[in-house]
C-alpha cells in the first residue's frame, strides 16, 4: 500500500505559469496572458523562450512583465541572470548547465528570487538550498512535449523534501489538470505548467480555474 504523504502545515500549492517556448505574436499572447491571470491565482510567470536571441527576450519581458505585475504575479526569466537584471525581472530560474547560483546571486542581488532545476537529484537540491536558492525544481514528473527530458522522479521525492527541508519545491513536467491534485498532495509548493494551460482545450482562463480548483483538493 502506498504511503500517504504526511506534509506538515504549509501554504496551499499554487500555480507557476511558464510561457510557451516560442511566441509568434507578443501582443496577441499578452492578451491571452491577461485572460489567464484574470481567471485565478497564479504565483509566478516564467518567461522561457528557447531558442531566442537577447533582443527577442528583451521584447518579451517588456510586453509581458507589465501584464503580470498588474496582477501581482512575480516575473522570472529563464536561464539569464544578466538579462533578468537588465530588464528588471523579479528573479531568474537556472538549470544545471546555466550560470551558477553564486553568480546569479552576485548579479541579481540578495532580494531577487532564484530557482534551480534539480531534476530528480536530492543532493543537487540540498546543495542549492544550502547555497541560498529561493526554491528548487524537480521534474519532469510526467511525459511532456514542451522540452526534452531524461529525468522522471517519483512523486515521493516531493514528500521526502517537504518532510526534511523548508526551502519550497516546484514540480514541473507534463503536469495537467488531471495530475495537479496528486502532485500537490505529494508535497509540491508550486506546480509549473506551460502546455497544460496554453494548450488546454477550453482556453487558458478555463485552465487556470481548473488548476486552482485541483490544487485545493
Foldseek 3Di string as FASTA:
>chain_A
DDDFFDFPDDDFAAAEEEEFQDDPDLVVVLVQVLLLLVLDDYAAYEYHHPPDDLVVVLVNCVRNVVSQVVSPHAYEYEQDLQSCQVNVGQAYEHEPPGDDPVVSCVSRHDRGAYEYEDEQDVVVQVVCVVVPHQEYEYDDCDADPRDDDDGHHHLLSQSVCSVPDDRAYEYEHPDALVRLLVSRSSHHNYYYDYCNQCVDPVHNSVRSNSNVVSSVD
